[in-house]
Protein backbone atom coordinates (compact mmCIF):
# COMPACT_ATOMS: atom_id res chain seq x y z
CA MET A 1 41.74 6.58 19.03
CA SER A 2 38.98 9.13 19.45
CA THR A 3 37.41 9.87 22.84
CA TYR A 4 33.66 9.88 23.23
CA THR A 5 32.45 13.07 24.95
CA PRO A 6 28.95 13.02 26.42
CA ARG A 7 26.65 15.83 25.39
CA VAL A 8 24.26 16.92 28.11
CA ALA A 9 21.33 19.08 27.04
CA SER A 10 20.29 21.91 29.34
CA PRO A 11 16.65 22.25 30.49
CA ALA A 12 16.22 25.23 28.16
CA THR A 13 17.52 23.22 25.21
CA TRP A 14 15.27 20.30 26.08
CA LEU A 15 12.24 22.61 26.39
CA HIS A 16 13.01 24.15 23.01
CA GLY A 17 13.31 20.67 21.48
CA ALA A 18 10.04 19.59 23.09
CA LYS A 19 8.26 22.61 21.61
CA ARG A 20 9.57 21.70 18.18
CA VAL A 21 8.35 18.13 18.65
CA VAL A 22 4.86 19.30 19.60
CA SER A 23 4.75 21.71 16.66
CA LEU A 24 5.95 19.15 14.14
CA THR A 25 3.62 16.45 15.47
CA ALA A 26 0.69 18.85 15.20
CA LEU A 27 1.71 19.77 11.66
CA ILE A 28 1.83 16.10 10.63
CA GLY A 29 -1.60 15.56 12.12
CA VAL A 30 -2.98 18.55 10.22
CA CYS A 31 -1.54 17.25 6.92
CA LEU A 32 -3.12 13.85 7.44
CA CYS A 33 -6.50 15.13 8.62
CA THR A 34 -7.22 18.22 6.51
CA GLU A 35 -8.65 16.49 3.47
CA ALA A 36 -10.62 14.00 5.55
CA ILE A 37 -12.24 16.83 7.52
CA ALA A 38 -13.12 18.73 4.35
CA GLN A 39 -14.78 15.72 2.75
CA SER A 40 -16.57 14.53 5.87
CA SER A 41 -18.09 17.98 6.45
CA ALA A 42 -19.50 18.01 2.92
CA ALA A 43 -21.89 15.16 3.60
CA SER A 44 -23.48 13.80 6.78
CA PRO A 45 -23.91 10.10 7.53
CA PRO A 46 -27.24 8.62 6.41
CA PRO A 47 -30.08 8.82 8.95
CA GLY A 48 -29.94 5.94 11.40
CA GLY A 49 -26.63 4.77 9.96
CA ILE A 50 -22.95 5.45 10.32
CA GLY A 51 -20.30 7.09 8.18
CA LYS A 52 -17.99 5.45 5.69
CA ASN A 53 -14.77 6.61 7.34
CA SER A 54 -13.12 6.26 10.71
CA TRP A 55 -10.14 7.59 12.60
CA THR A 56 -8.11 5.47 14.98
CA PHE A 57 -5.75 6.82 17.61
CA ALA A 58 -3.45 4.32 19.31
CA MET A 59 -0.48 4.16 21.61
CA ASP A 60 1.49 1.24 22.98
CA ASN A 61 4.05 1.05 25.71
CA ASP A 62 5.47 -1.51 28.09
CA PHE A 63 4.02 0.35 31.08
CA LEU A 64 0.51 -0.29 29.67
CA ALA A 65 1.25 -4.01 30.11
CA LEU A 66 2.28 -3.33 33.73
CA SER A 67 5.80 -4.41 32.83
CA SER A 68 8.61 -3.30 35.10
CA ARG A 69 11.21 -3.74 32.34
CA ASP A 70 11.55 -0.84 29.93
CA ALA A 71 13.64 -2.39 27.18
CA GLY A 72 13.28 -3.75 23.67
CA TYR A 73 10.20 -2.22 22.06
CA SER A 74 9.77 0.76 24.33
CA GLY A 75 6.60 2.08 22.71
CA GLY A 76 4.95 3.94 19.88
CA PHE A 77 1.83 5.70 18.66
CA MET A 78 -0.20 5.95 15.49
CA PHE A 79 -3.05 7.78 13.80
CA THR A 80 -5.04 6.05 11.04
CA ILE A 81 -7.66 7.26 8.58
CA SER A 82 -9.74 4.39 7.20
CA GLY A 83 -12.26 4.50 4.37
CA PRO A 84 -12.51 6.40 1.06
CA ASP A 85 -10.82 9.49 2.49
CA ALA A 86 -7.63 7.48 3.08
CA ALA A 87 -7.04 6.79 -0.62
CA ASP A 88 -7.83 10.40 -1.63
CA ASN A 89 -5.66 12.07 0.99
CA LEU A 90 -2.92 14.39 -0.27
CA VAL A 91 -0.12 12.25 1.23
CA SER A 92 -1.64 8.86 0.40
CA LEU A 93 0.58 6.11 -1.00
CA ASP A 94 -2.42 4.21 -2.35
CA GLY A 95 -1.38 4.67 -6.01
CA VAL A 96 1.98 3.02 -5.39
CA LEU A 97 0.33 0.28 -3.33
CA GLY A 98 -2.15 -0.41 -6.12
CA PHE A 99 0.67 -0.75 -8.64
CA LEU A 100 2.44 -3.29 -6.40
CA ASP A 101 -0.77 -5.19 -5.68
CA ASP A 102 -1.42 -5.73 -9.39
CA TRP A 103 1.58 -8.08 -9.46
CA TRP A 104 0.01 -10.64 -7.12
CA LEU A 105 -3.59 -9.91 -6.05
CA PRO A 106 -6.06 -12.12 -7.99
CA GLY A 107 -8.27 -9.42 -9.47
CA ALA A 108 -10.87 -11.89 -10.64
CA THR A 109 -11.92 -12.62 -7.05
CA ARG A 110 -12.22 -9.02 -5.88
CA THR A 111 -15.62 -8.09 -4.47
CA SER A 112 -14.94 -5.01 -2.32
CA SER A 113 -11.94 -3.02 -1.15
CA LYS A 114 -11.19 -0.95 1.94
CA THR A 115 -8.31 1.47 2.37
CA GLY A 116 -6.35 3.02 5.22
CA LEU A 117 -3.65 5.65 5.72
CA GLN A 118 -1.53 5.64 8.83
CA PHE A 119 1.13 7.80 10.44
CA GLY A 120 3.13 5.93 13.08
CA ALA A 121 6.20 6.11 15.28
CA GLN A 122 8.15 3.39 17.10
CA ALA A 123 11.02 3.48 19.59
CA TYR A 124 13.41 0.71 20.68
CA THR A 125 15.99 0.89 23.46
CA PRO A 126 18.45 -1.21 25.46
CA GLU A 127 17.74 -1.80 29.14
CA ASP A 128 20.53 0.51 30.34
CA LYS A 129 19.36 4.01 29.42
CA LYS A 130 21.76 5.94 31.65
CA SER A 131 24.84 5.15 29.60
CA ARG A 132 25.86 7.59 26.87
CA ALA A 133 28.40 5.11 25.50
CA PRO A 134 27.58 2.39 22.94
CA ILE A 135 26.10 -0.79 24.47
CA TYR A 136 27.20 -3.70 22.33
CA ASP A 137 25.54 -6.64 24.13
CA ASP A 138 21.96 -5.29 24.13
CA ARG A 139 19.67 -4.22 21.34
CA PRO A 140 20.55 -0.83 19.82
CA TYR A 141 18.53 2.34 20.09
CA ALA A 142 16.23 2.64 17.08
CA GLY A 143 13.48 4.99 16.02
CA LEU A 144 11.14 4.84 13.03
CA PHE A 145 8.63 7.38 11.75
CA SER A 146 6.45 5.99 8.99
CA LEU A 147 3.58 6.65 6.60
CA THR A 148 1.64 3.56 5.48
CA SER A 149 -1.17 3.00 3.00
CA THR A 150 -3.19 -0.20 3.41
CA ARG A 151 -5.75 -2.05 1.34
CA MET A 152 -8.09 -4.90 2.20
CA THR A 153 -10.08 -6.81 -0.40
CA ILE A 154 -12.92 -9.11 0.65
CA ALA A 155 -13.32 -12.10 -1.69
CA ASP A 156 -14.96 -15.50 -2.10
CA ALA A 157 -18.34 -14.47 -0.70
CA GLY A 158 -16.75 -12.97 2.41
CA GLN A 159 -14.72 -16.07 3.34
CA VAL A 160 -11.30 -14.66 2.39
CA ALA A 161 -9.63 -11.28 2.93
CA TRP A 162 -6.53 -10.16 1.01
CA SER A 163 -4.51 -7.35 2.57
CA SER A 164 -1.51 -5.28 1.57
CA ALA A 165 0.48 -2.35 2.92
CA PHE A 166 3.19 -0.06 1.60
CA THR A 167 5.30 1.89 4.08
CA VAL A 168 7.70 4.79 3.62
CA GLY A 169 9.67 5.60 6.75
CA VAL A 170 12.62 7.48 8.18
CA LEU A 171 15.11 5.91 10.61
CA GLY A 172 17.45 7.61 13.04
CA THR A 173 15.93 11.08 13.35
CA GLY A 174 16.52 13.58 16.16
CA LEU A 175 12.74 14.00 16.43
CA GLY A 176 12.45 10.48 17.78
CA LYS A 177 14.98 11.20 20.50
CA HIS A 178 13.22 14.37 21.70
CA LEU A 179 9.77 12.76 21.58
CA HIS A 180 10.93 9.69 23.51
CA ARG A 181 12.70 11.78 26.16
CA GLY A 182 9.69 14.03 26.53
CA PHE A 183 7.34 11.09 27.05
CA HIS A 184 9.64 9.50 29.63
CA SER A 185 9.83 12.80 31.50
CA LEU A 186 6.03 12.96 31.47
CA ILE A 187 5.63 9.50 33.06
CA GLY A 188 8.64 9.91 35.38
CA SER A 189 10.76 7.22 33.70
CA GLN A 190 14.52 7.10 33.05
CA LYS A 191 15.53 9.46 30.24
CA PRO A 192 17.22 7.56 27.36
CA ASN A 193 20.73 9.01 26.90
CA GLY A 194 22.21 6.84 24.14
CA TYR A 195 20.35 8.03 21.05
CA SER A 196 23.58 9.24 19.46
CA HIS A 197 24.23 5.52 18.80
CA GLN A 198 20.85 4.70 17.31
CA ILE A 199 20.35 2.79 14.07
CA SER A 200 21.02 5.10 11.09
CA GLU A 201 21.85 8.07 13.34
CA GLY A 202 21.33 11.26 11.37
CA GLY A 203 18.38 9.96 9.34
CA GLU A 204 17.87 7.45 6.54
CA PRO A 205 14.78 6.59 4.43
CA THR A 206 13.42 3.05 4.41
CA LEU A 207 10.59 1.06 2.77
CA LYS A 208 8.46 -2.03 3.31
CA TYR A 209 5.79 -3.88 1.34
CA THR A 210 3.50 -6.41 3.03
CA ALA A 211 1.07 -8.90 1.51
CA ARG A 212 -1.36 -10.98 3.53
CA ARG A 213 -4.16 -13.51 3.16
CA GLN A 214 -6.54 -14.45 5.94
CA GLY A 215 -9.45 -16.84 5.97
CA LEU A 216 -12.36 -17.72 8.21
CA ILE A 217 -12.02 -21.12 9.89
CA ALA A 218 -15.27 -21.21 11.86
CA LYS A 219 -17.93 -18.96 13.35
CA TYR A 220 -20.57 -19.62 15.99
CA ARG A 221 -23.71 -17.66 16.81
CA SER A 222 -23.90 -19.21 20.26
CA LEU A 223 -20.86 -20.57 22.07
CA ALA A 224 -21.25 -20.58 25.87
CA GLY A 225 -23.88 -17.88 25.50
CA ALA A 226 -21.88 -15.61 23.16
CA ARG A 227 -20.76 -15.32 19.54
CA ALA A 228 -17.36 -16.52 18.39
CA ASP A 229 -15.22 -16.72 15.27
CA PHE A 230 -11.80 -18.14 14.50
CA LYS A 231 -9.47 -17.37 11.59
CA TRP A 232 -6.01 -17.96 10.18
CA GLY A 233 -3.60 -15.78 8.26
CA ALA A 234 -0.32 -15.86 6.33
CA GLU A 235 1.81 -12.80 5.68
CA ALA A 236 5.07 -11.90 3.97
CA SER A 237 6.94 -8.60 4.04
CA LEU A 238 9.93 -7.27 2.14
CA GLY A 239 11.93 -4.23 3.23
CA TYR A 240 13.19 -2.98 6.58
CA MET A 241 11.45 -6.00 8.10
CA THR A 242 11.77 -9.02 5.82
CA GLU A 243 9.90 -12.05 7.17
CA ALA A 244 7.14 -14.61 6.67
CA ARG A 245 4.43 -15.10 9.29
CA ALA A 246 1.71 -17.63 10.07
CA MET A 247 -1.01 -16.76 12.57
CA VAL A 248 -4.29 -17.81 14.11
CA SER A 249 -6.70 -15.62 16.07
CA GLY A 250 -10.24 -15.42 17.31
CA ARG A 251 -12.73 -13.53 19.44
CA TRP A 252 -15.57 -14.38 21.80
CA GLY A 253 -18.38 -12.25 23.19
CA LYS A 254 -20.95 -9.82 21.84
CA PHE A 255 -19.99 -8.30 18.47
CA SER A 256 -21.64 -7.06 15.29
CA THR A 257 -18.57 -6.48 13.10
CA PRO A 258 -17.41 -8.94 10.40
CA TRP A 259 -14.68 -11.49 11.19
CA TRP A 260 -12.04 -9.65 9.14
CA SER A 261 -12.63 -6.23 10.68
CA LEU A 262 -10.11 -6.33 13.54
CA TYR A 263 -6.77 -8.08 13.66
CA PRO A 264 -4.16 -6.54 15.99
CA GLU A 265 -1.86 -9.49 15.30
CA ARG A 266 -0.93 -7.79 12.04
CA SER A 267 2.54 -6.32 11.57
CA GLU A 268 0.93 -2.94 10.84
CA TYR A 269 -1.95 -1.41 12.71
CA TYR A 270 -5.18 -1.55 10.78
CA ALA A 271 -8.53 0.09 11.49
CA PRO A 272 -11.42 -0.68 9.11
CA PRO A 273 -14.25 1.75 8.32
CA ALA A 274 -16.63 1.98 11.24
CA THR A 275 -19.66 -0.31 11.42
CA SER A 276 -22.50 -0.56 13.93
CA ILE A 277 -20.68 -1.39 17.16
CA ASP A 278 -22.96 -0.03 19.90
CA GLY A 279 -22.89 -2.42 22.85
CA ASP A 280 -20.16 -4.69 21.48
CA LEU A 281 -18.00 -6.26 24.18
CA TYR A 282 -15.70 -9.15 23.38
CA LEU A 283 -12.34 -10.79 24.01
CA MET A 284 -9.81 -11.23 21.22
CA TYR A 285 -6.81 -13.53 21.28
CA GLY A 286 -4.24 -15.06 18.98
CA GLY A 287 -0.68 -16.01 18.25
CA SER A 288 1.84 -16.06 15.42
CA ALA A 289 5.23 -17.41 14.42
CA SER A 290 7.61 -15.43 12.20
CA LEU A 291 10.54 -16.64 10.14
CA ARG A 292 12.86 -13.63 10.06
CA GLY A 293 15.08 -12.84 7.10
CA TYR A 294 16.33 -9.34 8.01
CA ASN A 295 15.49 -6.72 10.61
CA VAL A 296 16.93 -3.27 9.96
CA LEU A 297 16.04 -2.15 13.50
CA LEU A 298 18.60 -4.65 14.82
CA GLN A 299 20.97 -5.17 11.91
CA GLY A 300 21.13 -1.67 10.45
CA GLN A 301 20.57 -0.55 6.89
CA PHE A 302 22.95 1.23 4.47
CA ARG A 303 24.03 4.10 6.69
CA HIS A 304 26.64 3.36 9.36
CA SER A 305 25.27 2.42 12.79
CA ASP A 306 27.46 2.20 15.91
CA VAL A 307 25.66 -0.86 17.32
CA THR A 308 24.29 -3.68 15.15
CA PHE A 309 23.80 -7.44 15.32
CA SER A 310 24.76 -9.99 12.71
CA SER A 311 22.31 -12.54 11.37
CA SER A 312 23.98 -15.34 13.34
CA GLN A 313 23.33 -13.49 16.62
CA LEU A 314 19.57 -13.29 16.06
CA GLU A 315 16.75 -15.77 16.43
CA ARG A 316 15.33 -16.90 13.11
CA VAL A 317 11.92 -17.84 14.55
CA VAL A 318 10.08 -15.32 16.73
CA GLY A 319 6.78 -16.08 18.45
CA GLU A 320 4.05 -13.67 19.49
CA ALA A 321 0.78 -13.95 21.43
CA TYR A 322 -1.84 -11.40 22.37
CA LEU A 323 -4.99 -11.03 24.44
CA GLY A 324 -7.34 -8.05 24.41
CA VAL A 325 -10.82 -6.67 24.93
CA VAL A 326 -12.96 -4.44 22.67
CA TRP A 327 -15.79 -2.24 23.92
CA GLY A 328 -18.28 -0.56 21.57
CA ILE A 329 -18.99 2.68 23.41
CA THR A 330 -21.43 4.08 20.81
CA ARG A 331 -22.50 3.14 17.27
CA GLN A 332 -19.41 4.86 15.91
CA THR A 333 -16.87 4.67 18.76
CA SER A 334 -14.93 1.76 20.21
CA LEU A 335 -12.10 1.38 22.71
CA SER A 336 -9.67 -1.55 22.67
CA TYR A 337 -6.97 -2.72 25.04
CA VAL A 338 -4.43 -5.39 24.02
CA VAL A 339 -1.47 -6.99 25.81
CA ARG A 340 1.19 -8.53 23.57
CA PHE A 341 3.96 -11.00 24.30
CA GLN A 342 6.94 -11.51 21.99
CA SER A 343 9.73 -14.03 22.37
CA ALA A 344 13.37 -12.92 22.34
CA GLU A 345 14.85 -11.70 19.05
CA ILE A 346 18.48 -11.88 20.23
CA LYS A 347 20.11 -15.21 21.09
CA HIS A 348 22.52 -14.31 23.91
CA GLY A 349 23.33 -11.54 26.38
CA PRO A 350 21.14 -8.89 28.04
CA GLY A 351 19.20 -8.44 24.79
CA ALA A 352 17.95 -12.05 24.88
CA ARG A 353 14.69 -11.18 26.58
CA ASP A 354 10.99 -11.68 26.01
CA THR A 355 8.91 -8.50 25.87
CA TYR A 356 5.44 -7.43 26.97
CA VAL A 357 3.68 -4.37 25.54
CA GLY A 358 0.21 -2.93 26.17
CA SER A 359 -1.78 -1.09 23.50
CA LEU A 360 -4.81 1.23 23.58
CA TYR A 361 -6.93 1.94 20.46
CA LEU A 362 -9.69 4.53 20.13
CA ASN A 363 -11.70 4.20 16.91
CA VAL A 364 -14.18 6.92 15.89
CA GLY A 365 -16.41 6.63 12.81
CA PHE A 366 -18.03 9.47 10.87
């Protein structure tokens, strides 16, 4: 029987790792942004109008929801390019996504398409972060870095929106550990020590394809002195997260964007090309129910993982609700804040907990 020996990194080692994280993160950002910058500088937005592209920066964390429990989905961040530049970017997966879409998307109803390219990172942890030993009765450590191409097609005279996404990701990297530890040091939180037992420790590629249809249920130009719209959606994904989802959502307040333009209930972030948003201020809300088939972040993939859960230990139906506010700062800039609730994914033990996460989005058009 082997003995587990804790490995404690010195401050110098941690600092060196943090520098590598910063450098690599900057390099990824440069790769994603270079082509967009080149193209956007070649032509200015039309007078009195706005550009065709937008960038969205987002981060989410349980502390943004004022939650005292740092467990489950610990947090993440993303950067998205939306608009024509997204499909033309050097690292875009739009060609692969288009090939997959041709199998199901009804081409006869297509009227317009919008594209996005996103780099994202997510981190999951058990509640006990001091332990360096495996924790078998709580959710495992898990980290995912991903690149996602998205498409949205508006059809049926603007009453229906078809969406799709193709994601290529990497599980179990050392980068995730260093980035998570660095962020926790920055905010003065407990440093996670059990990453040597994360899902797919050592690194493993993963994929996911998502297809979605959403439709407008109703819209009102004046409801209690403000505008309102209400919509529904159905989504299915196959890959590291295999599930089917049904959802409803709406918004109320002052807004000038179309009903399909913002939907944070989606399983991937999405930021549409910027539209005229100066002075917009509205509430958004919604909920969803998911029927889970497989979750790699809890059950593991092909590579060995020290801590995993079997299908019988997990909830098949998972509920989610959210409430947020969007503020149009200028014609091309908006700021959003969203609080999300998710029901427990694990049936019994310390991992059987509901989670709350707060998210901030900054969208800039050009």
